[in-house]
C-alpha atoms as a PDB file:
ATOM      1  CA  MET A   1     -21.369 -22.292   8.193  1.00  0.00           C
ATOM      2  CA  THR A   2     -23.125 -18.922   8.086  1.00  0.00           C
ATOM      3  CA  THR A   3     -20.751 -16.946  10.303  1.00  0.00           C
ATOM      4  CA  MET A   4     -17.036 -16.228  10.354  1.00  0.00           C
ATOM      5  CA  LYS A   5     -14.530 -14.543  12.623  1.00  0.00           C
ATOM      6  CA  ALA A   6     -13.809 -10.932  11.669  1.00  0.00           C
ATOM      7  CA  VAL A   7     -12.583  -7.648  13.071  1.00  0.00           C
ATOM      8  CA  ARG A   8     -15.292  -5.002  12.779  1.00  0.00           C
ATOM      9  CA  ILE A   9     -15.943  -1.435  13.846  1.00  0.00           C
ATOM     10  CA  HIS A  10     -19.430  -0.430  15.025  1.00  0.00           C
ATOM     11  CA  GLU A  11     -18.466   3.228  15.479  1.00  0.00           C
ATOM     12  CA  TYR A  12     -15.584   5.463  14.471  1.00  0.00           C
ATOM     13  CA  GLY A  13     -12.890   6.110  17.040  1.00  0.00           C
ATOM     14  CA  GLY A  14      -9.600   4.896  18.523  1.00  0.00           C
ATOM     15  CA  PRO A  15      -8.102   1.395  18.376  1.00  0.00           C
ATOM     16  CA  GLU A  16     -10.520   0.248  21.072  1.00  0.00           C
ATOM     17  CA  VAL A  17     -13.431   0.272  18.586  1.00  0.00           C
ATOM     18  CA  LEU A  18     -11.920  -2.717  16.734  1.00  0.00           C
ATOM     19  CA  LYS A  19     -13.918  -5.790  17.772  1.00  0.00           C
ATOM     20  CA  TYR A  20     -12.841  -9.369  17.047  1.00  0.00           C
ATOM     21  CA  GLU A  21     -16.183 -11.159  16.771  1.00  0.00           C
ATOM     22  CA  ASP A  22     -18.553 -13.339  14.789  1.00  0.00           C
ATOM     23  CA  ALA A  23     -19.875 -11.765  11.600  1.00  0.00           C
ATOM     24  CA  PRO A  24     -22.054 -12.984   8.712  1.00  0.00           C
ATOM     25  CA  LYS A  25     -20.138 -14.998   6.129  1.00  0.00           C
ATOM     26  CA  PRO A  26     -20.538 -13.250   2.739  1.00  0.00           C
ATOM     27  CA  GLN A  27     -21.816 -14.921  -0.432  1.00  0.00           C
ATOM     28  CA  ALA A  28     -20.328 -14.440  -3.897  1.00  0.00           C
ATOM     29  CA  GLY A  29     -22.479 -13.121  -6.717  1.00  0.00           C
ATOM     30  CA  ALA A  30     -21.919 -12.871 -10.465  1.00  0.00           C
ATOM     31  CA  GLY A  31     -18.427 -11.627 -11.311  1.00  0.00           C
ATOM     32  CA  GLU A  32     -17.248 -12.191  -7.748  1.00  0.00           C
ATOM     33  CA  LEU A  33     -15.052 -14.612  -5.831  1.00  0.00           C
ATOM     34  CA  LEU A  34     -15.385 -15.777  -2.244  1.00  0.00           C
ATOM     35  CA  ILE A  35     -11.821 -15.906  -0.939  1.00  0.00           C
ATOM     36  CA  ARG A  36     -10.741 -17.798   2.170  1.00  0.00           C
ATOM     37  CA  VAL A  37      -8.389 -15.215   3.645  1.00  0.00           C
ATOM     38  CA  HIS A  38      -5.031 -16.620   4.711  1.00  0.00           C
ATOM     39  CA  ALA A  39      -3.478 -13.229   5.473  1.00  0.00           C
ATOM     40  CA  THR A  40      -4.059  -9.509   5.145  1.00  0.00           C
ATOM     41  CA  SER A  41      -1.940  -6.504   6.045  1.00  0.00           C
ATOM     42  CA  VAL A  42      -2.230  -3.200   7.851  1.00  0.00           C
ATOM     43  CA  ASN A  43      -2.002   0.054   5.912  1.00  0.00           C
ATOM     44  CA  PRO A  44      -2.332   3.620   7.229  1.00  0.00           C
ATOM     45  CA  VAL A  45      -5.657   3.948   5.406  1.00  0.00           C
ATOM     46  CA  ASP A  46      -7.060   1.216   7.692  1.00  0.00           C
ATOM     47  CA  TRP A  47      -6.717   3.214  10.907  1.00  0.00           C
ATOM     48  CA  LYS A  48      -7.595   6.490   9.184  1.00  0.00           C
ATOM     49  CA  ILE A  49     -10.908   4.960   8.104  1.00  0.00           C
ATOM     50  CA  ARG A  50     -11.399   3.501  11.606  1.00  0.00           C
ATOM     51  CA  ALA A  51     -10.830   6.968  13.107  1.00  0.00           C
ATOM     52  CA  GLY A  52     -13.434   8.487  10.746  1.00  0.00           C
ATOM     53  CA  TYR A  53     -11.040  10.679   8.751  1.00  0.00           C
ATOM     54  CA  LEU A  54     -12.341   9.527   5.356  1.00  0.00           C
ATOM     55  CA  GLN A  55     -16.093   9.577   6.016  1.00  0.00           C
ATOM     56  CA  GLN A  56     -16.748  12.128   3.277  1.00  0.00           C
ATOM     57  CA  MET A  57     -14.988  10.045   0.629  1.00  0.00           C
ATOM     58  CA  LEU A  58     -15.888   6.517   1.734  1.00  0.00           C
ATOM     59  CA  LYS A  59     -19.399   6.283   3.157  1.00  0.00           C
ATOM     60  CA  TYR A  60     -19.592   2.955   4.975  1.00  0.00           C
ATOM     61  CA  LYS A  61     -22.611   1.408   6.589  1.00  0.00           C
ATOM     62  CA  LEU A  62     -21.550   0.344  10.088  1.00  0.00           C
ATOM     63  CA  PRO A  63     -20.588  -2.169  11.311  1.00  0.00           C
ATOM     64  CA  MET A  64     -17.844  -2.603   8.716  1.00  0.00           C
ATOM     65  CA  ILE A  65     -14.729  -4.722   8.262  1.00  0.00           C
ATOM     66  CA  PRO A  66     -11.491  -2.835   7.480  1.00  0.00           C
ATOM     67  CA  GLY A  67      -8.486  -4.112   5.511  1.00  0.00           C
ATOM     68  CA  TRP A  68      -7.726  -3.913   1.779  1.00  0.00           C
ATOM     69  CA  ASP A  69      -5.008  -6.458   1.125  1.00  0.00           C
ATOM     70  CA  VAL A  70      -5.650 -10.156   0.785  1.00  0.00           C
ATOM     71  CA  SER A  71      -3.808 -13.326  -0.055  1.00  0.00           C
ATOM     72  CA  GLY A  72      -5.814 -16.496   0.091  1.00  0.00           C
ATOM     73  CA  VAL A  73      -7.560 -19.349  -1.692  1.00  0.00           C
ATOM     74  CA  VAL A  74     -10.698 -19.166  -3.824  1.00  0.00           C
ATOM     75  CA  GLU A  75     -13.515 -20.863  -1.900  1.00  0.00           C
ATOM     76  CA  ALA A  76     -16.327 -20.240  -4.390  1.00  0.00           C
ATOM     77  CA  ALA A  77     -16.679 -18.504  -7.742  1.00  0.00           C
ATOM     78  CA  GLY A  78     -19.592 -16.977  -9.587  1.00  0.00           C
ATOM     79  CA  PRO A  79     -20.783 -18.324 -12.967  1.00  0.00           C
ATOM     80  CA  GLY A  80     -18.186 -18.159 -15.765  1.00  0.00           C
ATOM     81  CA  ALA A  81     -15.335 -17.124 -13.480  1.00  0.00           C
ATOM     82  CA  ARG A  82     -11.696 -17.331 -14.644  1.00  0.00           C
ATOM     83  CA  PHE A  83     -10.628 -18.527 -11.205  1.00  0.00           C
ATOM     84  CA  GLN A  84     -11.797 -21.760  -9.655  1.00  0.00           C
ATOM     85  CA  PRO A  85     -12.047 -23.063  -6.086  1.00  0.00           C
ATOM     86  CA  GLY A  86      -8.585 -23.946  -4.818  1.00  0.00           C
ATOM     87  CA  ASP A  87      -6.734 -21.255  -6.802  1.00  0.00           C
ATOM     88  CA  GLU A  88      -4.240 -19.208  -4.772  1.00  0.00           C
ATOM     89  CA  VAL A  89      -4.825 -15.508  -5.401  1.00  0.00           C
ATOM     90  CA  TYR A  90      -4.095 -12.050  -4.082  1.00  0.00           C
ATOM     91  CA  SER A  91      -5.817  -8.698  -4.453  1.00  0.00           C
ATOM     92  CA  ARG A  92      -6.389  -5.130  -3.387  1.00  0.00           C
ATOM     93  CA  PRO A  93     -10.184  -5.259  -3.125  1.00  0.00           C
ATOM     94  CA  ASP A  94     -12.691  -2.463  -3.687  1.00  0.00           C
ATOM     95  CA  MET A  95     -12.323  -0.057  -0.764  1.00  0.00           C
ATOM     96  CA  SER A  96     -16.017   0.848  -0.752  1.00  0.00           C
ATOM     97  CA  ARG A  97     -16.920  -2.653   0.479  1.00  0.00           C
ATOM     98  CA  ASP A  98     -16.202  -4.708   3.589  1.00  0.00           C
ATOM     99  CA  GLY A  99     -12.530  -5.526   3.834  1.00  0.00           C
ATOM    100  CA  THR A 100     -10.174  -8.352   4.649  1.00  0.00           C
ATOM    101  CA  TYR A 101      -9.754  -8.448   8.443  1.00  0.00           C
ATOM    102  CA  ALA A 102     -11.858 -11.608   8.276  1.00  0.00           C
ATOM    103  CA  GLU A 103     -11.836 -15.314   7.504  1.00  0.00           C
ATOM    104  CA  TYR A 104     -13.631 -14.685   4.191  1.00  0.00           C
ATOM    105  CA  VAL A 105     -14.009 -11.770   1.795  1.00  0.00           C
ATOM    106  CA  ILE A 106     -15.918 -11.145  -1.433  1.00  0.00           C
ATOM    107  CA  VAL A 107     -13.756  -9.666  -4.189  1.00  0.00           C
ATOM    108  CA  LYS A 108     -14.628  -8.691  -7.747  1.00  0.00           C
ATOM    109  CA  GLU A 109     -12.870 -11.151 -10.040  1.00  0.00           C
ATOM    110  CA  SER A 110     -11.538  -8.223 -12.083  1.00  0.00           C
ATOM    111  CA  GLU A 111      -9.467  -7.175  -9.035  1.00  0.00           C
ATOM    112  CA  VAL A 112      -7.785 -10.551  -8.487  1.00  0.00           C
ATOM    113  CA  ALA A 113      -4.467 -11.950  -9.752  1.00  0.00           C
ATOM    114  CA  PRO A 114      -2.665 -15.253  -9.169  1.00  0.00           C
ATOM    115  CA  LYS A 115      -0.554 -15.054  -6.010  1.00  0.00           C
ATOM    116  CA  PRO A 116       3.245 -15.077  -6.516  1.00  0.00           C
ATOM    117  CA  LYS A 117       4.290 -18.735  -6.425  1.00  0.00           C
ATOM    118  CA  SER A 118       7.615 -18.246  -4.624  1.00  0.00           C
ATOM    119  CA  ILE A 119       6.266 -16.770  -1.378  1.00  0.00           C
ATOM    120  CA  ASP A 120       3.736 -17.724   1.291  1.00  0.00           C
ATOM    121  CA  HIS A 121       0.391 -16.036   1.882  1.00  0.00           C
ATOM    122  CA  SER A 122       1.639 -13.851   4.751  1.00  0.00           C
ATOM    123  CA  THR A 123       4.319 -12.388   2.487  1.00  0.00           C
ATOM    124  CA  ALA A 124       1.978 -12.017  -0.491  1.00  0.00           C
ATOM    125  CA  ALA A 125      -0.581 -10.171   1.641  1.00  0.00           C
ATOM    126  CA  ALA A 126       1.952  -7.389   2.231  1.00  0.00           C
ATOM    127  CA  ILE A 127       2.140  -6.582  -1.480  1.00  0.00           C
ATOM    128  CA  PRO A 128      -1.069  -5.362  -3.171  1.00  0.00           C
ATOM    129  CA  LEU A 129      -1.998  -1.943  -1.778  1.00  0.00           C
ATOM    130  CA  ALA A 130       1.539  -0.695  -1.131  1.00  0.00           C
ATOM    131  CA  ALA A 131       3.138  -2.063  -4.293  1.00  0.00           C
ATOM    132  CA  LEU A 132       0.262  -0.872  -6.504  1.00  0.00           C
ATOM    133  CA  THR A 133       0.531   2.581  -4.924  1.00  0.00           C
ATOM    134  CA  ALA A 134       4.245   2.751  -5.711  1.00  0.00           C
ATOM    135  CA  TRP A 135       3.710   1.366  -9.225  1.00  0.00           C
ATOM    136  CA  GLN A 136       0.914   3.806 -10.066  1.00  0.00           C
ATOM    137  CA  ALA A 137       2.741   6.785  -8.544  1.00  0.00           C
ATOM    138  CA  LEU A 138       6.055   6.144 -10.298  1.00  0.00           C
ATOM    139  CA  TYR A 139       5.151   4.351 -13.518  1.00  0.00           C
ATOM    140  CA  ASP A 140       1.723   5.803 -14.342  1.00  0.00           C
ATOM    141  CA  ALA A 141       1.954   9.331 -12.869  1.00  0.00           C
ATOM    142  CA  ALA A 142       5.659  10.261 -12.788  1.00  0.00           C
ATOM    143  CA  LYS A 143       6.556   7.993 -15.728  1.00  0.00           C
ATOM    144  CA  ILE A 144       9.981   7.546 -14.158  1.00  0.00           C
ATOM    145  CA  ALA A 145      12.684   6.653 -16.693  1.00  0.00           C
ATOM    146  CA  THR A 146      16.315   5.611 -16.959  1.00  0.00           C
ATOM    147  CA  GLY A 147      18.730   8.272 -15.746  1.00  0.00           C
ATOM    148  CA  GLN A 148      16.109  10.382 -13.990  1.00  0.00           C
ATOM    149  CA  LYS A 149      16.650  11.516 -10.414  1.00  0.00           C
ATOM    150  CA  LEU A 150      13.942  10.679  -7.862  1.00  0.00           C
ATOM    151  CA  LEU A 151      13.498  11.775  -4.235  1.00  0.00           C
ATOM    152  CA  ILE A 152      11.415   9.390  -2.094  1.00  0.00           C
ATOM    153  CA  HIS A 153      10.142  10.589   1.287  1.00  0.00           C
ATOM    154  CA  GLY A 154       9.472   7.936   3.927  1.00  0.00           C
ATOM    155  CA  ALA A 155      11.452   5.444   1.896  1.00  0.00           C
ATOM    156  CA  ALA A 156      11.609   2.750   4.607  1.00  0.00           C
ATOM    157  CA  GLY A 157       7.813   2.442   4.883  1.00  0.00           C
ATOM    158  CA  GLY A 158       5.435   0.112   3.093  1.00  0.00           C
ATOM    159  CA  VAL A 159       5.074   2.146  -0.110  1.00  0.00           C
ATOM    160  CA  GLY A 160       8.624   3.482   0.096  1.00  0.00           C
ATOM    161  CA  THR A 161      10.343   0.103   0.129  1.00  0.00           C
ATOM    162  CA  PHE A 162       8.521  -0.911  -3.041  1.00  0.00           C
ATOM    163  CA  ALA A 163       9.105   2.512  -4.619  1.00  0.00           C
ATOM    164  CA  VAL A 164      12.879   2.337  -4.142  1.00  0.00           C
ATOM    165  CA  GLN A 165      13.010  -1.028  -5.882  1.00  0.00           C
ATOM    166  CA  LEU A 166      10.586  -0.179  -8.689  1.00  0.00           C
ATOM    167  CA  ALA A 167      12.459   3.039  -9.457  1.00  0.00           C
ATOM    168  CA  LYS A 168      15.769   1.165  -9.642  1.00  0.00           C
ATOM    169  CA  LEU A 169      14.201  -1.374 -12.005  1.00  0.00           C
ATOM    170  CA  LYS A 170      13.561   1.563 -14.370  1.00  0.00           C
ATOM    171  CA  GLY A 171      17.167   2.753 -14.032  1.00  0.00           C
ATOM    172  CA  ALA A 172      16.460   5.865 -11.949  1.00  0.00           C
ATOM    173  CA  TYR A 173      18.862   7.468  -9.460  1.00  0.00           C
ATOM    174  CA  VAL A 174      17.136   7.177  -6.072  1.00  0.00           C
ATOM    175  CA  ILE A 175      17.546   9.541  -3.132  1.00  0.00           C
ATOM    176  CA  ALA A 176      15.772   8.339   0.003  1.00  0.00           C
ATOM    177  CA  THR A 177      14.816  10.174   3.189  1.00  0.00           C
ATOM    178  CA  ALA A 178      14.732   7.993   6.302  1.00  0.00           C
ATOM    179  CA  SER A 179      16.144   7.819   9.808  1.00  0.00           C
ATOM    180  CA  LYS A 180      19.820   6.882  10.037  1.00  0.00           C
ATOM    181  CA  LYS A 181      19.055   3.340  11.266  1.00  0.00           C
ATOM    182  CA  ASN A 182      17.410   2.547   7.913  1.00  0.00           C
ATOM    183  CA  HIS A 183      20.157   3.802   5.596  1.00  0.00           C
ATOM    184  CA  ASP A 184      22.068   0.527   5.148  1.00  0.00           C
ATOM    185  CA  PHE A 185      18.759  -1.284   4.705  1.00  0.00           C
ATOM    186  CA  LEU A 186      17.644   1.140   1.978  1.00  0.00           C
ATOM    187  CA  ARG A 187      20.982   0.892   0.195  1.00  0.00           C
ATOM    188  CA  SER A 188      20.489  -2.878   0.157  1.00  0.00           C
ATOM    189  CA  LEU A 189      17.232  -2.251  -1.758  1.00  0.00           C
ATOM    190  CA  GLY A 190      19.035  -0.032  -4.261  1.00  0.00           C
ATOM    191  CA  ALA A 191      18.931   3.531  -2.898  1.00  0.00           C
ATOM    192  CA  ASP A 192      21.838   5.595  -4.242  1.00  0.00           C
ATOM    193  CA  GLU A 193      21.739   8.265  -1.525  1.00  0.00           C
ATOM    194  CA  CYS A 194      20.121   8.397   1.912  1.00  0.00           C
ATOM    195  CA  ILE A 195      19.301  11.509   3.927  1.00  0.00           C
ATOM    196  CA  ASP A 196      18.646  11.440   7.668  1.00  0.00           C
ATOM    197  CA  TYR A 197      15.639  13.728   8.124  1.00  0.00           C
ATOM    198  CA  ASN A 198      16.506  14.087  11.815  1.00  0.00           C
ATOM    199  CA  THR A 199      19.800  15.852  11.110  1.00  0.00           C
ATOM    200  CA  THR A 200      19.642  17.210   7.559  1.00  0.00           C
ATOM    201  CA  LYS A 201      17.146  19.340   5.659  1.00  0.00           C
ATOM    202  CA  PHE A 202      16.727  17.518   2.385  1.00  0.00           C
ATOM    203  CA  GLU A 203      16.261  20.781   0.488  1.00  0.00           C
ATOM    204  CA  ASP A 204      19.768  21.854   1.522  1.00  0.00           C
ATOM    205  CA  VAL A 205      21.399  18.911  -0.233  1.00  0.00           C
ATOM    206  CA  VAL A 206      18.978  17.848  -2.975  1.00  0.00           C
ATOM    207  CA  HIS A 207      18.530  19.863  -6.166  1.00  0.00           C
ATOM    208  CA  ASP A 208      17.089  19.487  -9.664  1.00  0.00           C
ATOM    209  CA  VAL A 209      15.317  16.160  -9.263  1.00  0.00           C
ATOM    210  CA  ASP A 210      12.930  14.964 -11.944  1.00  0.00           C
ATOM    211  CA  ALA A 211      10.351  13.656  -9.470  1.00  0.00           C
ATOM    212  CA  VAL A 212       9.427  13.600  -5.796  1.00  0.00           C
ATOM    213  CA  LEU A 213       7.335  10.815  -4.268  1.00  0.00           C
ATOM    214  CA  ASP A 214       5.748  12.251  -1.123  1.00  0.00           C
ATOM    215  CA  THR A 215       4.390   9.702   1.357  1.00  0.00           C
ATOM    216  CA  ILE A 216       4.346  12.180   4.252  1.00  0.00           C
ATOM    217  CA  THR A 217       2.704  15.476   3.073  1.00  0.00           C
ATOM    218  CA  GLY A 218       2.384  18.598   5.286  1.00  0.00           C
ATOM    219  CA  GLU A 219       5.556  20.670   5.526  1.00  0.00           C
ATOM    220  CA  THR A 220       7.493  17.922   3.730  1.00  0.00           C
ATOM    221  CA  MET A 221       5.421  18.585   0.631  1.00  0.00           C
ATOM    222  CA  GLU A 222       5.846  22.359   0.943  1.00  0.00           C
ATOM    223  CA  ARG A 223       9.624  22.036   1.189  1.00  0.00           C
ATOM    224  CA  SER A 224       9.742  19.628  -1.754  1.00  0.00           C
ATOM    225  CA  TRP A 225       8.774  22.099  -4.464  1.00  0.00           C
ATOM    226  CA  LYS A 226      12.154  23.825  -4.384  1.00  0.00           C
ATOM    227  CA  VAL A 227      14.140  20.611  -5.065  1.00  0.00           C
ATOM    228  CA  LEU A 228      12.353  19.891  -8.363  1.00  0.00           C
ATOM    229  CA  LYS A 229      13.786  20.925 -11.701  1.00  0.00           C
ATOM    230  CA  LYS A 230      11.584  22.925 -14.083  1.00  0.00           C
ATOM    231  CA  GLY A 231       9.026  20.572 -15.579  1.00  0.00           C
ATOM    232  CA  GLY A 232       9.537  18.017 -12.793  1.00  0.00           C
ATOM    233  CA  ILE A 233       6.655  16.365 -10.979  1.00  0.00           C
ATOM    234  CA  LEU A 234       5.603  15.968  -7.349  1.00  0.00           C
ATOM    235  CA  VAL A 235       3.445  12.920  -6.706  1.00  0.00           C
ATOM    236  CA  SER A 236       1.657  12.682  -3.357  1.00  0.00           C
ATOM    237  CA  ILE A 237      -0.121   9.571  -2.100  1.00  0.00           C
ATOM    238  CA  LEU A 238      -1.835  11.479   0.728  1.00  0.00           C
ATOM    239  CA  GLU A 239      -2.963  15.101   0.456  1.00  0.00           C
ATOM    240  CA  PRO A 240      -3.568  16.245  -3.137  1.00  0.00           C
ATOM    241  CA  PRO A 241      -0.901  18.804  -4.106  1.00  0.00           C
ATOM    242  CA  LYS A 242      -2.169  22.213  -5.213  1.00  0.00           C
ATOM    243  CA  PRO A 243      -1.823  22.817  -8.987  1.00  0.00           C
ATOM    244  CA  GLU A 244      -1.220  26.517  -8.367  1.00  0.00           C
ATOM    245  CA  LYS A 245       1.788  25.658  -6.191  1.00  0.00           C
ATOM    246  CA  ALA A 246       3.159  23.447  -8.939  1.00  0.00           C
ATOM    247  CA  ALA A 247       2.618  26.169 -11.547  1.00  0.00           C
ATOM    248  CA  ALA A 248       4.375  28.729  -9.366  1.00  0.00           C
ATOM    249  CA  HIS A 249       7.469  26.531  -9.317  1.00  0.00           C
ATOM    250  CA  GLY A 250       7.269  25.579 -12.994  1.00  0.00           C
ATOM    251  CA  CYS A 251       6.463  21.992 -12.036  1.00  0.00           C
ATOM    252  CA  ARG A 252       3.678  19.436 -12.352  1.00  0.00           C
ATOM    253  CA  CYS A 253       1.811  17.543  -9.665  1.00  0.00           C
ATOM    254  CA  HIS A 254      -0.328  14.455  -9.234  1.00  0.00           C
ATOM    255  CA  HIS A 255      -2.328  12.819  -6.452  1.00  0.00           C
ATOM    256  CA  THR A 256      -2.199   9.014  -6.538  1.00  0.00           C
ATOM    257  CA  PHE A 257      -5.000   7.235  -4.684  1.00  0.00           C
ATOM    258  CA  VAL A 258      -4.373   3.569  -5.348  1.00  0.00           C
ATOM    259  CA  GLN A 259      -6.709   1.769  -7.731  1.00  0.00           C
ATOM    260  CA  ALA A 260      -7.311  -1.969  -7.959  1.00  0.00           C
ATOM    261  CA  ASN A 261      -5.478  -3.364 -10.985  1.00  0.00           C
ATOM    262  CA  ALA A 262      -5.191  -7.108 -11.589  1.00  0.00           C
ATOM    263  CA  GLU A 263      -2.887  -6.689 -14.604  1.00  0.00           C
ATOM    264  CA  GLN A 264      -0.379  -4.684 -12.575  1.00  0.00           C
ATOM    265  CA  LEU A 265      -0.596  -7.212  -9.729  1.00  0.00           C
ATOM    266  CA  GLY A 266       0.256  -9.886 -12.281  1.00  0.00           C
ATOM    267  CA  GLU A 267       3.367  -7.962 -13.357  1.00  0.00           C
ATOM    268  CA  ILE A 268       4.369  -7.412  -9.728  1.00  0.00           C
ATOM    269  CA  ALA A 269       4.008 -11.148  -9.037  1.00  0.00           C
ATOM    270  CA  LYS A 270       6.378 -11.897 -11.922  1.00  0.00           C
ATOM    271  CA  LEU A 271       8.981  -9.523 -10.443  1.00  0.00           C
ATOM    272  CA  VAL A 272       8.650 -11.169  -7.024  1.00  0.00           C
ATOM    273  CA  ASP A 273       8.964 -14.679  -8.467  1.00  0.00           C
ATOM    274  CA  ALA A 274      12.004 -13.603 -10.497  1.00  0.00           C
ATOM    275  CA  GLY A 275      13.693 -12.334  -7.327  1.00  0.00           C
ATOM    276  CA  ARG A 276      13.713  -8.750  -8.574  1.00  0.00           C
ATOM    277  CA  LEU A 277      11.295  -7.339  -5.977  1.00  0.00           C
ATOM    278  CA  LYS A 278      11.631  -7.998  -2.247  1.00  0.00           C
ATOM    279  CA  VAL A 279       8.755  -7.849   0.232  1.00  0.00           C
ATOM    280  CA  ILE A 280       9.729  -6.328   3.573  1.00  0.00           C
ATOM    281  CA  ILE A 281       7.722  -7.363   6.638  1.00  0.00           C
ATOM    282  CA  GLU A 282       8.394  -5.979  10.101  1.00  0.00           C
ATOM    283  CA  LYS A 283       6.001  -8.168  12.097  1.00  0.00           C
ATOM    284  CA  VAL A 284       3.170 -10.680  11.709  1.00  0.00           C
ATOM    285  CA  TYR A 285       0.245 -10.576  14.157  1.00  0.00           C
ATOM    286  CA  PRO A 286      -2.708 -12.969  14.434  1.00  0.00           C
ATOM    287  CA  LEU A 287      -6.004 -11.461  13.246  1.00  0.00           C
ATOM    288  CA  SER A 288      -7.275 -11.311  16.829  1.00  0.00           C
ATOM    289  CA  GLU A 289      -4.506  -8.773  17.592  1.00  0.00           C
ATOM    290  CA  ALA A 290      -5.535  -6.298  14.892  1.00  0.00           C
ATOM    291  CA  ARG A 291      -5.722  -3.525  17.494  1.00  0.00           C
ATOM    292  CA  ALA A 292      -2.044  -3.914  18.450  1.00  0.00           C
ATOM    293  CA  ALA A 293      -1.104  -4.117  14.755  1.00  0.00           C
ATOM    294  CA  GLN A 294      -2.909  -0.865  13.942  1.00  0.00           C
ATOM    295  CA  GLU A 295      -1.422   0.878  16.968  1.00  0.00           C
ATOM    296  CA  SER A 296       2.052  -0.126  15.811  1.00  0.00           C
ATOM    297  CA  ASN A 297       1.423   1.019  12.244  1.00  0.00           C
ATOM    298  CA  ALA A 298       0.007   4.372  13.391  1.00  0.00           C
ATOM    299  CA  GLN A 299       3.304   5.244  15.092  1.00  0.00           C
ATOM    300  CA  GLY A 300       4.687   5.857  11.614  1.00  0.00           C
ATOM    301  CA  HIS A 301       8.035   4.070  11.938  1.00  0.00           C
ATOM    302  CA  THR A 302       7.235   0.680  10.433  1.00  0.00           C
ATOM    303  CA  ARG A 303       9.974  -0.788   8.226  1.00  0.00           C
ATOM    304  CA  GLY A 304       8.046  -2.252   5.331  1.00  0.00           C
ATOM    305  CA  LYS A 305       4.714  -3.802   6.264  1.00  0.00           C
ATOM    306  CA  ILE A 306       2.769  -5.273   9.197  1.00  0.00           C
ATOM    307  CA  VAL A 307       0.803  -8.421   8.386  1.00  0.00           C
ATOM    308  CA  LEU A 308      -2.253 -10.043   9.979  1.00  0.00           C
ATOM    309  CA  ARG A 309      -2.255 -13.831   9.693  1.00  0.00           C
ATOM    310  CA  VAL A 310      -5.717 -15.382   9.496  1.00  0.00           C
ATOM    311  CA  VAL A 311      -4.874 -19.043   8.759  1.00  0.00           C
END
């Protein structure tokens, strides 16, 4: 078989440019794995790339396949690989290459970890990009610690749901912004306080936090500086915060753009298998309905993740 089914874009634009079609089946080289994709998931970066917003940073040759989460089974491995055909794995692949809205994907072996054993592929596919983003923002950048106070914006989303849980695992006090309908849900994940952004300005009720995780940016970021204590840190996963703004408020800042990390994925899998980290999925679509999945995700009100099932 030299072709596979995939969703590709031949030009940048709206959801209509996503085409479910035949595409060349890739071949693994040295240091790479060919993975039979069982499931992938939809992240905001997928439709932002499709729309052409990141052309300056990620220069793709069109047509290209979006998607940067995968859970699947190793189909073929390059010489000397750690993984062998038949191994169940998951990954956040290199974002400069063709992605995972496809039956097969090539992934660098260094980016791959064993899939959590206690969950199926559709659930595992919802983990890598969002959970790694939360991990790297809170553990690597903010270095969140026991007793610290953390404000998470967009806490009911893909990154937010992992962030709430990872922060609680470190013993932090978590304040979450979300619509009222998500408050009981977020408390079930461990949030200590919830603020309805529709009715309350968070800066009126939150003060002296050690860290802010901003998944929204824009005016939310601007209003966040005043809730930080001196020496606190604002971590954004979207627009890079301005160092001069941080300095003016006596704070620090960091921009987290998720990096592939197999070791961290291994640690996350252990937490999932131990029942200490829940994966929240709003809906599962077949791969052929990637357009509807992206349209839903782009509305910005997804609870947890949206998954594309391939097998």
